[in-house]
Amino acid sequence: MANIGFIGLGNMGGPMAANLIKAGHSVSVFDLSKAAVATLVTVGATAAQSAKEAVTGAQFVISMLPAGAHVEGLYLSGDDPLFDHLAEDALVIDSSTIDAKTAQKVAAVAAQRDINFIDAPVSGGVGGAVAGTLSFMVGASEQQFANAKPILDVMGKNIFHAGVQGSGQIAKACNNMLLAILMTGTSEALNMGVKNGLDPKVLSEIMRLSSGGNWALELYNPFPGVMPNAPASNDYQGGFQTDLMFKDLGLAMELSQLSASPTPMGSQARALFNMHKVKGNGGLDFSSVIQQYQDQD
């Protein structure tokens, strides 16, 4: 079993750390939220008073942070960057969803210092984090990927080697842009059917088993009452917040500009999520974007 330092215990990071503990690993945790740390301590984690303390002696360091600025600030910046405190041969796994350029920058500095740093953003939502069925999209060398995989296997079901450092973030941006497009399209179709007299459960099943079938219809229906365990049936609480989807779509748009890749549908999806967000819905699950259609009578 490994000694692991885990930094960032939000909706995703907390359950991920808990699964590592359940698997028998020794996990030292740090988060600015004392309540989040306390929750992990109840299931066997060791509380650290700082990020530095969390990584002391760790063989693996896992971070799950909000944005690229936080990742760069943690590992590279300030008076006491975390790279100064890693054990020899430690492997850093950053599972934050950030821009590929920052991931590549941090990885380049790590390489100059003989530190192993890989990007491994996730997909699968809070439910996947709790169940240990996340998908990891990993940017790493072949050897780094092989070293990280036993740890990632504890937290995920599908572990993909996307390519070199930064590739994981590119794959995540592509995936979440497609997810946003699918969710807005599914919402649009459901709303149209319901406004023309169809039962949302019946229509959902018809589309799910026909050529319009997709992940939203299979597991994450946006219409309230269709799927009891989906956020839509819980007032859109929990799940993946609209604010986070909007952030991820911003990363996708930056990537499209850097590569001159046309993304007309991705741009439209971002506009829809932006309209939803500015109405005060940023804290709701992203499937609540269906309200953008329901409000337009």
Protein backbone atom coordinates (compact mmCIF):
# COMPACT_ATOMS: atom_id res chain seq x y z
CA MET A 1 0.00 0.00 0.00
CA ALA A 2 1.16 3.52 -0.77
CA ASN A 3 1.56 6.75 1.16
CA ILE A 4 -0.55 9.36 -0.63
CA GLY A 5 -0.92 13.10 -0.13
CA PHE A 6 -4.29 14.40 -1.35
CA ILE A 7 -4.95 18.12 -1.81
CA GLY A 8 -8.43 19.41 -2.66
CA LEU A 9 -11.41 17.67 -1.05
CA GLY A 10 -14.40 19.15 -2.86
CA ASN A 11 -17.36 17.28 -4.34
CA MET A 12 -15.02 15.18 -6.47
CA GLY A 13 -11.80 15.10 -4.45
CA GLY A 14 -13.43 13.99 -1.21
CA PRO A 15 -14.96 10.77 -2.57
CA MET A 16 -11.80 10.03 -4.57
CA ALA A 17 -9.68 10.25 -1.42
CA ALA A 18 -12.21 8.11 0.45
CA ASN A 19 -11.88 5.33 -2.12
CA LEU A 20 -8.11 5.34 -1.73
CA ILE A 21 -8.55 4.93 2.02
CA LYS A 22 -11.04 2.10 1.54
CA ALA A 23 -8.46 0.34 -0.64
CA GLY A 24 -6.01 0.38 2.26
CA HIS A 25 -3.73 3.24 1.25
CA SER A 26 -2.37 5.68 3.83
CA VAL A 27 -3.81 9.06 2.84
CA SER A 28 -2.85 12.44 4.28
CA VAL A 29 -5.37 15.12 3.27
CA PHE A 30 -5.45 18.90 3.10
CA ASP A 31 -8.13 21.37 2.10
CA LEU A 32 -8.93 24.95 3.04
CA SER A 33 -12.26 23.61 4.32
CA LYS A 34 -11.74 22.12 7.78
CA ALA A 35 -15.11 20.40 7.51
CA ALA A 36 -14.00 18.58 4.35
CA VAL A 37 -10.84 17.41 6.11
CA ALA A 38 -12.81 16.30 9.15
CA THR A 39 -15.12 14.20 6.97
CA LEU A 40 -12.19 12.30 5.52
CA VAL A 41 -10.63 11.80 8.95
CA THR A 42 -13.78 9.92 10.01
CA VAL A 43 -13.09 7.31 7.32
CA GLY A 44 -9.40 6.92 8.12
CA ALA A 45 -7.46 9.82 6.59
CA THR A 46 -4.73 11.72 8.40
CA ALA A 47 -5.39 15.45 8.66
CA ALA A 48 -2.58 17.72 7.46
CA GLN A 49 -2.31 21.34 8.55
CA SER A 50 -0.85 22.41 5.21
CA ALA A 51 -0.27 21.16 1.69
CA LYS A 52 3.42 20.85 2.58
CA GLU A 53 2.59 18.56 5.49
CA ALA A 54 0.24 16.49 3.33
CA VAL A 55 2.98 15.62 0.83
CA THR A 56 5.78 15.00 3.31
CA GLY A 57 7.03 11.48 2.63
CA ALA A 58 4.27 10.78 0.10
CA GLN A 59 4.94 8.39 -2.78
CA PHE A 60 2.01 9.85 -4.70
CA VAL A 61 0.54 13.34 -4.58
CA ILE A 62 -2.95 13.91 -5.98
CA SER A 63 -4.44 17.36 -6.43
CA MET A 64 -7.99 18.32 -7.38
CA LEU A 65 -8.15 22.11 -7.64
CA PRO A 66 -10.54 24.63 -9.26
CA ALA A 67 -8.35 26.23 -11.94
CA GLY A 68 -4.93 26.46 -13.57
CA ALA A 69 -3.91 29.41 -11.40
CA HIS A 70 -4.38 27.27 -8.29
CA VAL A 71 -2.32 24.41 -9.72
CA GLU A 72 0.53 26.68 -10.78
CA GLY A 73 0.35 28.54 -7.47
CA LEU A 74 0.50 25.32 -5.46
CA TYR A 75 3.44 23.69 -7.22
CA LEU A 76 5.48 26.55 -8.65
CA SER A 77 4.71 29.94 -7.12
CA GLY A 78 4.94 31.71 -3.79
CA ASP A 79 7.64 31.61 -1.18
CA ASP A 80 7.31 27.89 -0.57
CA PRO A 81 6.28 25.97 -3.74
CA LEU A 82 5.25 22.38 -3.19
CA PHE A 83 7.84 21.08 -5.64
CA ASP A 84 10.43 21.97 -2.97
CA HIS A 85 8.95 19.41 -0.57
CA LEU A 86 8.39 16.26 -2.58
CA ALA A 87 10.08 12.99 -1.74
CA GLU A 88 12.51 11.59 -4.28
CA ASP A 89 10.67 9.57 -6.94
CA ALA A 90 7.25 10.90 -5.88
CA LEU A 91 4.65 11.00 -8.64
CA VAL A 92 2.33 14.00 -8.83
CA ILE A 93 -1.11 13.31 -10.33
CA ASP A 94 -3.04 16.49 -10.99
CA SER A 95 -6.71 15.67 -11.58
CA SER A 96 -7.83 19.28 -11.80
CA THR A 97 -9.55 20.38 -15.01
CA ILE A 98 -7.34 23.22 -16.27
CA ASP A 99 -5.95 24.62 -19.51
CA ALA A 100 -3.45 22.42 -21.31
CA LYS A 101 -0.84 25.20 -21.43
CA THR A 102 -0.65 25.42 -17.65
CA ALA A 103 -0.44 21.64 -17.33
CA GLN A 104 2.42 21.62 -19.83
CA LYS A 105 4.17 24.50 -18.07
CA VAL A 106 4.04 22.82 -14.65
CA ALA A 107 5.12 19.50 -16.19
CA ALA A 108 8.10 21.18 -17.92
CA VAL A 109 9.32 22.73 -14.67
CA ALA A 110 8.84 19.40 -12.93
CA ALA A 111 10.91 17.62 -15.58
CA GLN A 112 13.73 20.15 -15.15
CA ARG A 113 13.79 19.22 -11.48
CA ASP A 114 13.52 15.47 -12.09
CA ILE A 115 9.99 15.44 -10.67
CA ASN A 116 7.25 13.28 -12.18
CA PHE A 117 4.12 15.35 -12.90
CA ILE A 118 1.16 14.13 -14.94
CA ASP A 119 -2.26 15.56 -15.74
CA ALA A 120 -5.21 13.23 -15.17
CA PRO A 121 -8.55 15.07 -15.31
CA VAL A 122 -11.68 13.04 -14.75
CA SER A 123 -15.17 12.50 -16.12
CA GLY A 124 -18.10 10.79 -14.46
CA GLY A 125 -19.45 13.30 -11.98
CA VAL A 126 -19.90 13.04 -8.24
CA GLY A 127 -21.70 9.72 -8.61
CA GLY A 128 -18.70 8.28 -10.42
CA ALA A 129 -16.33 9.67 -7.81
CA VAL A 130 -18.31 8.02 -5.01
CA ALA A 131 -18.65 4.70 -6.85
CA GLY A 132 -15.02 4.66 -8.00
CA THR A 133 -16.07 4.47 -11.65
CA LEU A 134 -14.54 7.68 -12.99
CA SER A 135 -12.85 7.95 -16.36
CA PHE A 136 -9.31 9.34 -16.18
CA MET A 137 -7.72 11.01 -19.22
CA VAL A 138 -4.00 10.95 -18.59
CA GLY A 139 -1.20 13.02 -20.06
CA ALA A 140 2.07 11.29 -19.18
CA SER A 141 4.99 9.26 -20.45
CA GLU A 142 4.47 5.52 -20.85
CA GLN A 143 6.39 4.79 -17.64
CA GLN A 144 4.62 7.49 -15.64
CA PHE A 145 1.26 6.17 -16.83
CA ALA A 146 2.22 2.63 -15.80
CA ASN A 147 3.28 3.88 -12.35
CA ALA A 148 0.08 5.88 -11.85
CA LYS A 149 -2.39 3.31 -13.13
CA PRO A 150 -2.66 1.14 -9.95
CA ILE A 151 -3.62 4.25 -8.00
CA LEU A 152 -6.02 5.51 -10.65
CA ASP A 153 -7.64 2.06 -10.89
CA VAL A 154 -8.84 2.47 -7.30
CA MET A 155 -10.73 5.65 -8.19
CA GLY A 156 -11.81 4.92 -11.75
CA LYS A 157 -13.13 2.33 -14.15
CA ASN A 158 -11.78 3.65 -17.45
CA ILE A 159 -8.16 4.80 -17.43
CA PHE A 160 -7.00 6.27 -20.74
CA HIS A 161 -3.48 7.24 -21.75
CA ALA A 162 -4.23 10.24 -23.95
CA GLY A 163 -0.61 11.09 -24.75
CA VAL A 164 2.14 13.29 -23.35
CA GLN A 165 1.65 15.91 -20.63
CA GLY A 166 -1.24 18.24 -21.44
CA SER A 167 -3.02 15.60 -23.53
CA GLY A 168 -5.34 14.69 -20.68
CA GLN A 169 -6.57 18.27 -20.49
CA ILE A 170 -7.13 18.42 -24.24
CA ALA A 171 -9.16 15.20 -24.13
CA LYS A 172 -11.20 16.53 -21.19
CA ALA A 173 -11.97 19.78 -23.03
CA CYS A 174 -13.17 17.84 -26.08
CA ASN A 175 -15.27 15.48 -23.96
CA ASN A 176 -16.97 18.19 -21.91
CA MET A 177 -17.71 20.31 -24.95
CA LEU A 178 -19.47 17.31 -26.50
CA LEU A 179 -21.28 16.63 -23.21
CA ALA A 180 -22.55 20.23 -23.12
CA ILE A 181 -23.77 19.94 -26.72
CA LEU A 182 -25.53 16.65 -25.97
CA MET A 183 -27.21 18.03 -22.84
CA THR A 184 -28.48 21.16 -24.55
CA GLY A 185 -29.70 19.15 -27.56
CA THR A 186 -31.41 16.58 -25.34
CA SER A 187 -33.07 19.38 -23.37
CA GLU A 188 -34.24 21.03 -26.58
CA ALA A 189 -35.78 17.84 -27.92
CA LEU A 190 -37.45 16.89 -24.63
CA ASN A 191 -38.92 20.35 -24.19
CA MET A 192 -40.33 20.34 -27.72
CA GLY A 193 -41.92 16.93 -27.24
CA VAL A 194 -43.46 17.82 -23.89
CA LYS A 195 -44.84 21.11 -25.22
CA ASN A 196 -46.49 19.10 -27.97
CA GLY A 197 -48.21 16.78 -25.52
CA LEU A 198 -45.78 13.87 -25.09
CA ASP A 199 -45.01 12.25 -21.75
CA PRO A 200 -41.34 13.03 -20.91
CA LYS A 201 -40.71 9.46 -19.71
CA VAL A 202 -42.14 7.93 -22.86
CA LEU A 203 -40.29 10.33 -25.14
CA SER A 204 -37.04 9.80 -23.24
CA GLU A 205 -37.32 6.04 -23.68
CA ILE A 206 -38.14 6.37 -27.37
CA MET A 207 -35.08 8.56 -28.00
CA ARG A 208 -32.84 6.53 -25.69
CA LEU A 209 -33.45 3.38 -27.70
CA SER A 210 -33.42 5.11 -31.08
CA SER A 211 -30.81 6.96 -33.09
CA GLY A 212 -30.94 9.96 -30.71
CA GLY A 213 -29.71 7.89 -27.76
CA ASN A 214 -26.90 9.45 -25.71
CA TRP A 215 -25.35 9.59 -22.22
CA ALA A 216 -27.84 12.18 -20.92
CA LEU A 217 -30.78 9.96 -21.84
CA GLU A 218 -29.08 6.86 -20.47
CA LEU A 219 -27.92 8.18 -17.09
CA TYR A 220 -28.60 11.87 -16.53
CA ASN A 221 -32.01 12.87 -17.86
CA PRO A 222 -32.54 16.64 -17.48
CA PHE A 223 -36.34 16.45 -17.12
CA PRO A 224 -37.56 16.28 -13.48
CA GLY A 225 -39.13 12.99 -12.44
CA VAL A 226 -37.88 10.87 -15.31
CA MET A 227 -34.89 9.46 -13.43
CA PRO A 228 -35.31 9.42 -9.63
CA ASN A 229 -31.56 9.49 -8.93
CA ALA A 230 -30.65 12.22 -11.42
CA PRO A 231 -30.07 15.78 -10.15
CA ALA A 232 -33.11 16.91 -12.17
CA SER A 233 -35.30 14.99 -9.73
CA ASN A 234 -33.60 16.66 -6.75
CA ASP A 235 -34.15 20.29 -7.72
CA TYR A 236 -30.88 20.10 -9.68
CA GLN A 237 -28.83 19.85 -6.49
CA GLY A 238 -25.52 17.98 -6.44
CA GLY A 239 -23.90 16.69 -9.59
CA PHE A 240 -21.82 18.95 -11.84
CA GLN A 241 -22.51 22.64 -11.39
CA THR A 242 -23.42 24.97 -14.24
CA ASP A 243 -20.51 27.22 -13.16
CA LEU A 244 -18.07 24.35 -13.74
CA MET A 245 -19.52 23.45 -17.12
CA PHE A 246 -19.26 27.08 -18.18
CA LYS A 247 -15.62 27.11 -17.03
CA ASP A 248 -14.86 23.93 -18.97
CA LEU A 249 -16.49 25.32 -22.09
CA GLY A 250 -14.25 28.37 -21.73
CA LEU A 251 -11.24 26.04 -21.74
CA ALA A 252 -12.59 24.36 -24.87
CA MET A 253 -13.05 27.71 -26.62
CA GLU A 254 -9.48 28.72 -25.75
CA LEU A 255 -8.26 25.44 -27.17
CA SER A 256 -10.29 25.93 -30.35
CA GLN A 257 -8.77 29.37 -30.86
CA LEU A 258 -5.22 28.14 -30.30
CA SER A 259 -5.68 25.40 -32.90
CA ALA A 260 -7.99 27.29 -35.29
CA SER A 261 -10.62 24.57 -34.82
CA PRO A 262 -14.17 25.63 -35.69
CA THR A 263 -16.59 24.93 -32.83
CA PRO A 264 -19.95 26.51 -33.76
CA MET A 265 -22.01 24.06 -31.70
CA GLY A 266 -19.65 24.32 -28.74
CA SER A 267 -19.86 28.10 -28.91
CA GLN A 268 -23.65 27.98 -28.95
CA ALA A 269 -23.70 25.59 -25.99
CA ARG A 270 -21.45 27.97 -24.06
CA ALA A 271 -23.78 30.87 -24.85
CA LEU A 272 -26.75 28.88 -23.52
CA PHE A 273 -24.92 27.98 -20.31
CA ASN A 274 -23.84 31.59 -19.93
CA MET A 275 -27.44 32.81 -20.18
CA HIS A 276 -28.44 30.19 -17.62
CA LYS A 277 -25.59 31.15 -15.31
CA VAL A 278 -26.27 34.91 -15.33
CA LYS A 279 -29.85 34.22 -14.22
CA GLY A 280 -28.39 32.96 -10.93
CA ASN A 281 -28.29 29.26 -11.73
CA GLY A 282 -24.54 28.73 -11.55
CA GLY A 283 -24.82 26.54 -8.46
CA LEU A 284 -27.37 24.19 -10.01
CA ASP A 285 -26.44 21.01 -11.83
CA PHE A 286 -25.67 21.63 -15.49
CA SER A 287 -28.69 19.59 -16.61
CA SER A 288 -30.82 22.47 -15.33
CA VAL A 289 -30.00 24.17 -18.63
CA ILE A 290 -33.32 22.69 -19.80
CA GLN A 291 -34.90 25.62 -17.96
CA GLN A 292 -33.57 27.89 -20.69
CA TYR A 293 -36.07 26.25 -23.03
CA GLN A 294 -38.91 25.92 -20.56
CA ASP A 295 -38.76 29.64 -19.77
CA GLN A 296 -39.27 30.60 -23.42
CA ASP A 297 -43.04 30.43 -23.77
